């Protein structure tokens, strides 16, 4: 039972790590892609790409902060759950 529990905990951690990677990489890439398309279609200047990079990076930072808060809350809940299991 304990091996199975640790396996699923590791699998859950791996899935969270993968999700974090996707959440950090996609916003800047999508923002730059849209900025380049806007630049090509409407003849906007180079400034639109710079704005897109800034917006994408800020979006990634917000995603990371949300992820970190969620992981900290989950770790606290799991530690409290383990403490109550040890007491019984």
PDB file of N, CA and C in Angstrom:
ATOM      1  N   UNK A   1       0.825  -1.198   0.000  1.00  0.00           N
ATOM      2  CA  UNK A   1       0.000   0.000   0.000  1.00  0.00           C
ATOM      3  C   UNK A   1       0.863   1.253   0.000  1.00  0.00           C
ATOM      4  N   UNK A   2       1.948   1.219   0.796  1.00  0.00           N
ATOM      5  CA  UNK A   2       2.803   2.386   0.898  1.00  0.00           C
ATOM      6  C   UNK A   2       3.564   2.633  -0.404  1.00  0.00           C
ATOM      7  N   UNK A   3       3.998   1.565  -1.089  1.00  0.00           N
ATOM      8  CA  UNK A   3       4.688   1.721  -2.368  1.00  0.00           C
ATOM      9  C   UNK A   3       3.745   2.300  -3.420  1.00  0.00           C
ATOM     10  N   UNK A   4       2.513   1.820  -3.397  1.00  0.00           N
ATOM     11  CA  UNK A   4       1.532   2.317  -4.361  1.00  0.00           C
ATOM     12  C   UNK A   4       1.233   3.793  -4.095  1.00  0.00           C
ATOM     13  N   UNK A   5       1.134   4.151  -2.845  1.00  0.00           N
ATOM     14  CA  UNK A   5       0.856   5.543  -2.483  1.00  0.00           C
ATOM     15  C   UNK A   5       2.003   6.459  -2.903  1.00  0.00           C
ATOM     16  N   UNK A   6       3.241   6.017  -2.676  1.00  0.00           N
ATOM     17  CA  UNK A   6       4.385   6.843  -3.063  1.00  0.00           C
ATOM     18  C   UNK A   6       4.509   6.927  -4.584  1.00  0.00           C
ATOM     19  N   UNK A   7       4.141   5.860  -5.302  1.00  0.00           N
ATOM     20  CA  UNK A   7       4.166   5.890  -6.759  1.00  0.00           C
ATOM     21  C   UNK A   7       3.180   6.924  -7.284  1.00  0.00           C
ATOM     22  N   UNK A   8       1.963   6.911  -6.751  1.00  0.00           N
ATOM     23  CA  UNK A   8       0.968   7.871  -7.217  1.00  0.00           C
ATOM     24  C   UNK A   8       1.317   9.298  -6.802  1.00  0.00           C
ATOM     25  N   UNK A   9       1.972   9.447  -5.672  1.00  0.00           N
ATOM     26  CA  UNK A   9       2.433  10.779  -5.254  1.00  0.00           C
ATOM     27  C   UNK A   9       3.496  11.296  -6.225  1.00  0.00           C
ATOM     28  N   UNK A  10       4.414  10.418  -6.641  1.00  0.00           N
ATOM     29  CA  UNK A  10       5.443  10.813  -7.610  1.00  0.00           C
ATOM     30  C   UNK A  10       4.818  11.122  -8.969  1.00  0.00           C
ATOM     31  N   UNK A  11       3.853  10.323  -9.374  1.00  0.00           N
ATOM     32  CA  UNK A  11       3.168  10.566 -10.637  1.00  0.00           C
ATOM     33  C   UNK A  11       2.417  11.892 -10.610  1.00  0.00           C
ATOM     34  N   UNK A  12       1.808  12.186  -9.485  1.00  0.00           N
ATOM     35  CA  UNK A  12       1.101  13.452  -9.323  1.00  0.00           C
ATOM     36  C   UNK A  12       2.079  14.627  -9.380  1.00  0.00           C
ATOM     37  N   UNK A  13       3.230  14.479  -8.736  1.00  0.00           N
ATOM     38  CA  UNK A  13       4.253  15.523  -8.783  1.00  0.00           C
ATOM     39  C   UNK A  13       4.782  15.745 -10.184  1.00  0.00           C
ATOM     40  N   UNK A  14       4.962  14.656 -10.932  1.00  0.00           N
ATOM     41  CA  UNK A  14       5.427  14.776 -12.314  1.00  0.00           C
ATOM     42  C   UNK A  14       4.400  15.495 -13.178  1.00  0.00           C
ATOM     43  N   UNK A  15       3.131  15.188 -12.978  1.00  0.00           N
ATOM     44  CA  UNK A  15       2.094  15.861 -13.767  1.00  0.00           C
ATOM     45  C   UNK A  15       2.010  17.339 -13.416  1.00  0.00           C
ATOM     46  N   UNK A  16       2.188  17.679 -12.132  1.00  0.00           N
ATOM     47  CA  UNK A  16       2.200  19.086 -11.732  1.00  0.00           C
ATOM     48  C   UNK A  16       3.389  19.816 -12.353  1.00  0.00           C
ATOM     49  N   UNK A  17       4.549  19.148 -12.387  1.00  0.00           N
ATOM     50  CA  UNK A  17       5.736  19.759 -12.972  1.00  0.00           C
ATOM     51  C   UNK A  17       5.555  20.003 -14.466  1.00  0.00           C
ATOM     52  N   UNK A  18       4.953  19.037 -15.143  1.00  0.00           N
ATOM     53  CA  UNK A  18       4.679  19.194 -16.571  1.00  0.00           C
ATOM     54  C   UNK A  18       3.709  20.345 -16.814  1.00  0.00           C
ATOM     55  N   UNK A  19       2.681  20.420 -16.008  1.00  0.00           N
ATOM     56  CA  UNK A  19       1.707  21.508 -16.142  1.00  0.00           C
ATOM     57  C   UNK A  19       2.360  22.865 -15.884  1.00  0.00           C
ATOM     58  N   UNK A  20       3.247  22.924 -14.911  1.00  0.00           N
ATOM     59  CA  UNK A  20       3.952  24.177 -14.633  1.00  0.00           C
ATOM     60  C   UNK A  20       4.794  24.594 -15.835  1.00  0.00           C
ATOM     61  N   UNK A  21       5.492  23.643 -16.424  1.00  0.00           N
ATOM     62  CA  UNK A  21       6.309  23.957 -17.596  1.00  0.00           C
ATOM     63  C   UNK A  21       5.487  24.501 -18.743  1.00  0.00           C
ATOM     64  N   UNK A  22       4.358  23.872 -19.007  1.00  0.00           N
ATOM     65  CA  UNK A  22       3.484  24.335 -20.083  1.00  0.00           C
ATOM     66  C   UNK A  22       2.921  25.715 -19.747  1.00  0.00           C
ATOM     67  N   UNK A  23       2.552  25.913 -18.498  1.00  0.00           N
ATOM     68  CA  UNK A  23       1.989  27.204 -18.083  1.00  0.00           C
ATOM     69  C   UNK A  23       3.006  28.335 -18.145  1.00  0.00           C
ATOM     70  N   UNK A  24       4.271  28.015 -18.010  1.00  0.00           N
ATOM     71  CA  UNK A  24       5.296  29.045 -18.069  1.00  0.00           C
ATOM     72  C   UNK A  24       5.768  29.330 -19.491  1.00  0.00           C
ATOM     73  N   UNK A  25       5.730  28.352 -20.363  1.00  0.00           N
ATOM     74  CA  UNK A  25       6.255  28.514 -21.716  1.00  0.00           C
ATOM     75  C   UNK A  25       5.217  29.068 -22.689  1.00  0.00           C
ATOM     76  N   UNK A  26       3.985  28.617 -22.571  1.00  0.00           N
ATOM     77  CA  UNK A  26       2.963  28.985 -23.565  1.00  0.00           C
ATOM     78  C   UNK A  26       2.628  30.484 -23.640  1.00  0.00           C
ATOM     79  N   UNK A  27       2.398  31.187 -22.542  1.00  0.00           N
ATOM     80  CA  UNK A  27       2.011  32.596 -22.672  1.00  0.00           C
ATOM     81  C   UNK A  27       2.995  33.469 -23.445  1.00  0.00           C
ATOM     82  N   UNK A  28       4.313  33.404 -23.156  1.00  0.00           N
ATOM     83  CA  UNK A  28       5.210  34.241 -23.972  1.00  0.00           C
ATOM     84  C   UNK A  28       5.227  33.839 -25.439  1.00  0.00           C
ATOM     85  N   UNK A  29       5.200  32.530 -25.699  1.00  0.00           N
ATOM     86  CA  UNK A  29       5.219  32.084 -27.089  1.00  0.00           C
ATOM     87  C   UNK A  29       3.971  32.537 -27.843  1.00  0.00           C
ATOM     88  N   UNK A  30       2.821  32.381 -27.217  1.00  0.00           N
ATOM     89  CA  UNK A  30       1.577  32.797 -27.871  1.00  0.00           C
ATOM     90  C   UNK A  30       1.511  34.304 -28.067  1.00  0.00           C
ATOM     91  N   UNK A  31       1.960  35.050 -27.075  1.00  0.00           N
ATOM     92  CA  UNK A  31       1.951  36.513 -27.206  1.00  0.00           C
ATOM     93  C   UNK A  31       2.873  36.975 -28.326  1.00  0.00           C
ATOM     94  N   UNK A  32       4.050  36.395 -28.427  1.00  0.00           N
ATOM     95  CA  UNK A  32       4.980  36.777 -29.495  1.00  0.00           C
ATOM     96  C   UNK A  32       4.413  36.364 -30.846  1.00  0.00           C
ATOM     97  N   UNK A  33       3.798  35.180 -30.926  1.00  0.00           N
ATOM     98  CA  UNK A  33       3.196  34.731 -32.177  1.00  0.00           C
ATOM     99  C   UNK A  33       2.117  35.712 -32.645  1.00  0.00           C
ATOM    100  N   UNK A  34       1.254  36.114 -31.735  1.00  0.00           N
ATOM    101  CA  UNK A  34       0.185  37.059 -32.080  1.00  0.00           C
ATOM    102  C   UNK A  34       0.775  38.409 -32.465  1.00  0.00           C
ATOM    103  N   UNK A  35       1.810  38.836 -31.753  1.00  0.00           N
ATOM    104  CA  UNK A  35       2.436  40.122 -32.068  1.00  0.00           C
ATOM    105  C   UNK A  35       3.065  40.110 -33.458  1.00  0.00           C
ATOM    106  N   UNK A  36       3.705  39.021 -33.816  1.00  0.00           N
ATOM    107  CA  UNK A  36       4.310  38.930 -35.147  1.00  0.00           C
ATOM    108  C   UNK A  36       3.229  38.942 -36.221  1.00  0.00           C
ATOM    109  N   UNK A  37       2.130  38.244 -35.974  1.00  0.00           N
ATOM    110  CA  UNK A  37       1.029  38.250 -36.941  1.00  0.00           C
ATOM    111  C   UNK A  37       0.420  39.649 -37.068  1.00  0.00           C
ATOM    112  N   UNK A  38       0.259  40.353 -35.964  1.00  0.00           N
ATOM    113  CA  UNK A  38      -0.235  41.732 -36.011  1.00  0.00           C
ATOM    114  C   UNK A  38       0.729  42.634 -36.768  1.00  0.00           C
ATOM    115  N   UNK A  39       2.006  42.407 -36.538  1.00  0.00           N
ATOM    116  CA  UNK A  39       3.023  43.202 -37.206  1.00  0.00           C
ATOM    117  C   UNK A  39       2.991  42.967 -38.717  1.00  0.00           C
ATOM    118  N   UNK A  40       2.840  41.716 -39.120  1.00  0.00           N
ATOM    119  CA  UNK A  40       2.791  41.401 -40.546  1.00  0.00           C
ATOM    120  C   UNK A  40       1.519  41.923 -41.207  1.00  0.00           C
ATOM    121  N   UNK A  41       0.394  41.739 -40.536  1.00  0.00           N
ATOM    122  CA  UNK A  41      -0.891  42.079 -41.154  1.00  0.00           C
ATOM    123  C   UNK A  41      -1.152  43.584 -41.174  1.00  0.00           C
ATOM    124  N   UNK A  42      -0.869  44.264 -40.064  1.00  0.00           N
ATOM    125  CA  UNK A  42      -1.219  45.676 -39.956  1.00  0.00           C
ATOM    126  C   UNK A  42      -0.014  46.613 -40.039  1.00  0.00           C
ATOM    127  N   UNK A  43       1.168  46.073 -40.241  1.00  0.00           N
ATOM    128  CA  UNK A  43       2.353  46.908 -40.381  1.00  0.00           C
ATOM    129  C   UNK A  43       2.745  47.651 -39.123  1.00  0.00           C
ATOM    130  N   UNK A  44       2.461  47.076 -37.979  1.00  0.00           N
ATOM    131  CA  UNK A  44       2.840  47.716 -36.719  1.00  0.00           C
ATOM    132  C   UNK A  44       4.354  47.647 -36.553  1.00  0.00           C
ATOM    133  N   UNK A  45       4.880  48.500 -35.713  1.00  0.00           N
ATOM    134  CA  UNK A  45       6.324  48.569 -35.501  1.00  0.00           C
ATOM    135  C   UNK A  45       6.841  47.441 -34.617  1.00  0.00           C
ATOM    136  N   UNK A  46       8.132  47.532 -34.343  1.00  0.00           N
ATOM    137  CA  UNK A  46       8.798  46.536 -33.500  1.00  0.00           C
ATOM    138  C   UNK A  46       8.320  46.599 -32.049  1.00  0.00           C
ATOM    139  N   UNK A  47       7.744  47.699 -31.661  1.00  0.00           N
ATOM    140  CA  UNK A  47       7.318  47.873 -30.278  1.00  0.00           C
ATOM    141  C   UNK A  47       6.271  46.846 -29.873  1.00  0.00           C
ATOM    142  N   UNK A  48       5.468  46.367 -30.824  1.00  0.00           N
ATOM    143  CA  UNK A  48       4.405  45.425 -30.483  1.00  0.00           C
ATOM    144  C   UNK A  48       4.989  44.100 -29.991  1.00  0.00           C
ATOM    145  N   UNK A  49       6.125  43.707 -30.520  1.00  0.00           N
ATOM    146  CA  UNK A  49       6.772  42.464 -30.081  1.00  0.00           C
ATOM    147  C   UNK A  49       7.320  42.634 -28.668  1.00  0.00           C
ATOM    148  N   UNK A  50       7.880  43.794 -28.400  1.00  0.00           N
ATOM    149  CA  UNK A  50       8.406  44.058 -27.053  1.00  0.00           C
ATOM    150  C   UNK A  50       7.276  44.044 -26.030  1.00  0.00           C
ATOM    151  N   UNK A  51       6.165  44.661 -26.367  1.00  0.00           N
ATOM    152  CA  UNK A  51       4.996  44.656 -25.479  1.00  0.00           C
ATOM    153  C   UNK A  51       4.504  43.225 -25.272  1.00  0.00           C
ATOM    154  N   UNK A  52       4.492  42.447 -26.344  1.00  0.00           N
ATOM    155  CA  UNK A  52       4.030  41.061 -26.245  1.00  0.00           C
ATOM    156  C   UNK A  52       4.938  40.231 -25.345  1.00  0.00           C
ATOM    157  N   UNK A  53       6.234  40.442 -25.441  1.00  0.00           N
ATOM    158  CA  UNK A  53       7.172  39.705 -24.585  1.00  0.00           C
ATOM    159  C   UNK A  53       6.940  40.071 -23.122  1.00  0.00           C
ATOM    160  N   UNK A  54       6.773  41.348 -22.848  1.00  0.00           N
ATOM    161  CA  UNK A  54       6.529  41.789 -21.463  1.00  0.00           C
ATOM    162  C   UNK A  54       5.225  41.194 -20.929  1.00  0.00           C
ATOM    163  N   UNK A  55       4.166  41.260 -21.728  1.00  0.00           N
ATOM    164  CA  UNK A  55       2.872  40.704 -21.300  1.00  0.00           C
ATOM    165  C   UNK A  55       2.979  39.197 -21.092  1.00  0.00           C
ATOM    166  N   UNK A  56       3.672  38.505 -21.985  1.00  0.00           N
ATOM    167  CA  UNK A  56       3.838  37.063 -21.850  1.00  0.00           C
ATOM    168  C   UNK A  56       4.618  36.672 -20.601  1.00  0.00           C
ATOM    169  N   UNK A  57       5.692  37.400 -20.325  1.00  0.00           N
ATOM    170  CA  UNK A  57       6.494  37.110 -19.136  1.00  0.00           C
ATOM    171  C   UNK A  57       5.698  37.406 -17.867  1.00  0.00           C
ATOM    172  N   UNK A  58       4.970  38.510 -17.844  1.00  0.00           N
ATOM    173  CA  UNK A  58       4.140  38.823 -16.670  1.00  0.00           C
ATOM    174  C   UNK A  58       3.068  37.760 -16.458  1.00  0.00           C
ATOM    175  N   UNK A  59       2.500  37.271 -17.532  1.00  0.00           N
ATOM    176  CA  UNK A  59       1.511  36.206 -17.434  1.00  0.00           C
ATOM    177  C   UNK A  59       2.131  34.927 -16.862  1.00  0.00           C
ATOM    178  N   UNK A  60       3.343  34.623 -17.277  1.00  0.00           N
ATOM    179  CA  UNK A  60       4.046  33.450 -16.743  1.00  0.00           C
ATOM    180  C   UNK A  60       4.355  33.609 -15.263  1.00  0.00           C
ATOM    181  N   UNK A  61       4.727  34.817 -14.864  1.00  0.00           N
ATOM    182  CA  UNK A  61       5.005  35.078 -13.449  1.00  0.00           C
ATOM    183  C   UNK A  61       3.736  34.888 -12.619  1.00  0.00           C
ATOM    184  N   UNK A  62       2.618  35.388 -13.118  1.00  0.00           N
ATOM    185  CA  UNK A  62       1.345  35.205 -12.410  1.00  0.00           C
ATOM    186  C   UNK A  62       0.984  33.723 -12.308  1.00  0.00           C
ATOM    187  N   UNK A  63       1.214  32.980 -13.359  1.00  0.00           N
ATOM    188  CA  UNK A  63       0.951  31.535 -13.334  1.00  0.00           C
ATOM    189  C   UNK A  63       1.835  30.845 -12.310  1.00  0.00           C
ATOM    190  N   UNK A  64       3.103  31.244 -12.240  1.00  0.00           N
ATOM    191  CA  UNK A  64       4.013  30.633 -11.282  1.00  0.00           C
ATOM    192  C   UNK A  64       3.605  30.942  -9.849  1.00  0.00           C
ATOM    193  N   UNK A  65       3.217  32.182  -9.591  1.00  0.00           N
ATOM    194  CA  UNK A  65       2.799  32.553  -8.232  1.00  0.00           C
ATOM    195  C   UNK A  65       1.566  31.769  -7.818  1.00  0.00           C
ATOM    196  N   UNK A  66       0.603  31.644  -8.718  1.00  0.00           N
ATOM    197  CA  UNK A  66      -0.604  30.868  -8.419  1.00  0.00           C
ATOM    198  C   UNK A  66      -0.254  29.406  -8.169  1.00  0.00           C
ATOM    199  N   UNK A  67       0.627  28.863  -8.984  1.00  0.00           N
ATOM    200  CA  UNK A  67       1.057  27.478  -8.830  1.00  0.00           C
ATOM    201  C   UNK A  67       1.753  27.278  -7.487  1.00  0.00           C
ATOM    202  N   UNK A  68       2.652  28.195  -7.138  1.00  0.00           N
ATOM    203  CA  UNK A  68       3.387  28.074  -5.876  1.00  0.00           C
ATOM    204  C   UNK A  68       2.450  28.137  -4.680  1.00  0.00           C
ATOM    205  N   UNK A  69       1.500  29.054  -4.707  1.00  0.00           N
ATOM    206  CA  UNK A  69       0.537  29.146  -3.599  1.00  0.00           C
ATOM    207  C   UNK A  69      -0.268  27.862  -3.470  1.00  0.00           C
ATOM    208  N   UNK A  70      -0.689  27.314  -4.593  1.00  0.00           N
ATOM    209  CA  UNK A  70      -1.474  26.087  -4.572  1.00  0.00           C
ATOM    210  C   UNK A  70      -0.643  24.918  -4.042  1.00  0.00           C
ATOM    211  N   UNK A  71       0.604  24.820  -4.447  1.00  0.00           N
ATOM    212  CA  UNK A  71       1.456  23.730  -3.989  1.00  0.00           C
ATOM    213  C   UNK A  71       1.764  23.856  -2.496  1.00  0.00           C
ATOM    214  N   UNK A  72       1.955  25.062  -2.006  1.00  0.00           N
ATOM    215  CA  UNK A  72       2.205  25.266  -0.581  1.00  0.00           C
ATOM    216  C   UNK A  72       0.981  24.876   0.226  1.00  0.00           C
ATOM    217  N   UNK A  73      -0.195  25.281  -0.241  1.00  0.00           N
ATOM    218  CA  UNK A  73      -1.431  24.917   0.465  1.00  0.00           C
ATOM    219  C   UNK A  73      -1.636  23.406   0.461  1.00  0.00           C
ATOM    220  N   UNK A  74      -1.339  22.769  -0.656  1.00  0.00           N
ATOM    221  CA  UNK A  74      -1.502  21.319  -0.748  1.00  0.00           C
ATOM    222  C   UNK A  74      -0.496  20.607   0.163  1.00  0.00           C
ATOM    223  N   UNK A  75       0.723  21.090   0.232  1.00  0.00           N
ATOM    224  CA  UNK A  75       1.731  20.476   1.092  1.00  0.00           C
ATOM    225  C   UNK A  75       1.346  20.604   2.562  1.00  0.00           C
ATOM    226  N   UNK A  76       0.796  21.757   2.929  1.00  0.00           N
ATOM    227  CA  UNK A  76       0.339  21.925   4.308  1.00  0.00           C
ATOM    228  C   UNK A  76      -0.802  20.977   4.627  1.00  0.00           C
ATOM    229  N   UNK A  77      -1.739  20.836   3.705  1.00  0.00           N
ATOM    230  CA  UNK A  77      -2.877  19.936   3.922  1.00  0.00           C
ATOM    231  C   UNK A  77      -2.412  18.491   4.035  1.00  0.00           C
ATOM    232  N   UNK A  78      -1.462  18.089   3.201  1.00  0.00           N
ATOM    233  CA  UNK A  78      -0.959  16.717   3.264  1.00  0.00           C
ATOM    234  C   UNK A  78      -0.197  16.460   4.552  1.00  0.00           C
ATOM    235  N   UNK A  79       0.574  17.448   5.017  1.00  0.00           N
ATOM    236  CA  UNK A  79       1.318  17.255   6.265  1.00  0.00           C
ATOM    237  C   UNK A  79       0.370  17.167   7.460  1.00  0.00           C
ATOM    238  N   UNK A  80      -0.697  17.952   7.437  1.00  0.00           N
ATOM    239  CA  UNK A  80      -1.692  17.871   8.513  1.00  0.00           C
ATOM    240  C   UNK A  80      -2.414  16.524   8.462  1.00  0.00           C
ATOM    241  N   UNK A  81      -2.683  16.038   7.263  1.00  0.00           N
ATOM    242  CA  UNK A  81      -3.345  14.750   7.108  1.00  0.00           C
ATOM    243  C   UNK A  81      -2.452  13.621   7.617  1.00  0.00           C
ATOM    244  N   UNK A  82      -1.160  13.692   7.338  1.00  0.00           N
ATOM    245  CA  UNK A  82      -0.233  12.675   7.816  1.00  0.00           C
ATOM    246  C   UNK A  82      -0.105  12.719   9.322  1.00  0.00           C
ATOM    247  N   UNK A  83      -0.133  13.923   9.907  1.00  0.00           N
ATOM    248  CA  UNK A  83      -0.060  14.041  11.365  1.00  0.00           C
ATOM    249  C   UNK A  83      -1.277  13.414  12.036  1.00  0.00           C
ATOM    250  N   UNK A  84      -2.455  13.612  11.451  1.00  0.00           N
ATOM    251  CA  UNK A  84      -3.658  13.021  12.044  1.00  0.00           C
ATOM    252  C   UNK A  84      -3.653  11.502  11.871  1.00  0.00           C
ATOM    253  N   UNK A  85      -3.076  11.005  10.781  1.00  0.00           N
ATOM    254  CA  UNK A  85      -2.992   9.553  10.603  1.00  0.00           C
ATOM    255  C   UNK A  85      -2.008   8.943  11.591  1.00  0.00           C
ATOM    256  N   UNK A  86      -0.924   9.665  11.889  1.00  0.00           N
ATOM    257  CA  UNK A  86       0.083   9.161  12.847  1.00  0.00           C
ATOM    258  C   UNK A  86      -0.473   9.117  14.257  1.00  0.00           C
ATOM    259  N   UNK A  87      -1.366  10.054  14.609  1.00  0.00           N
ATOM    260  CA  UNK A  87      -1.935  10.103  15.938  1.00  0.00           C
ATOM    261  C   UNK A  87      -2.914   8.961  16.189  1.00  0.00           C
ATOM    262  N   UNK A  88      -3.568   8.489  15.145  1.00  0.00           N
ATOM    263  CA  UNK A  88      -4.558   7.416  15.346  1.00  0.00           C
ATOM    264  C   UNK A  88      -3.961   6.053  15.238  1.00  0.00           C
TER     265      UNK A  88
END
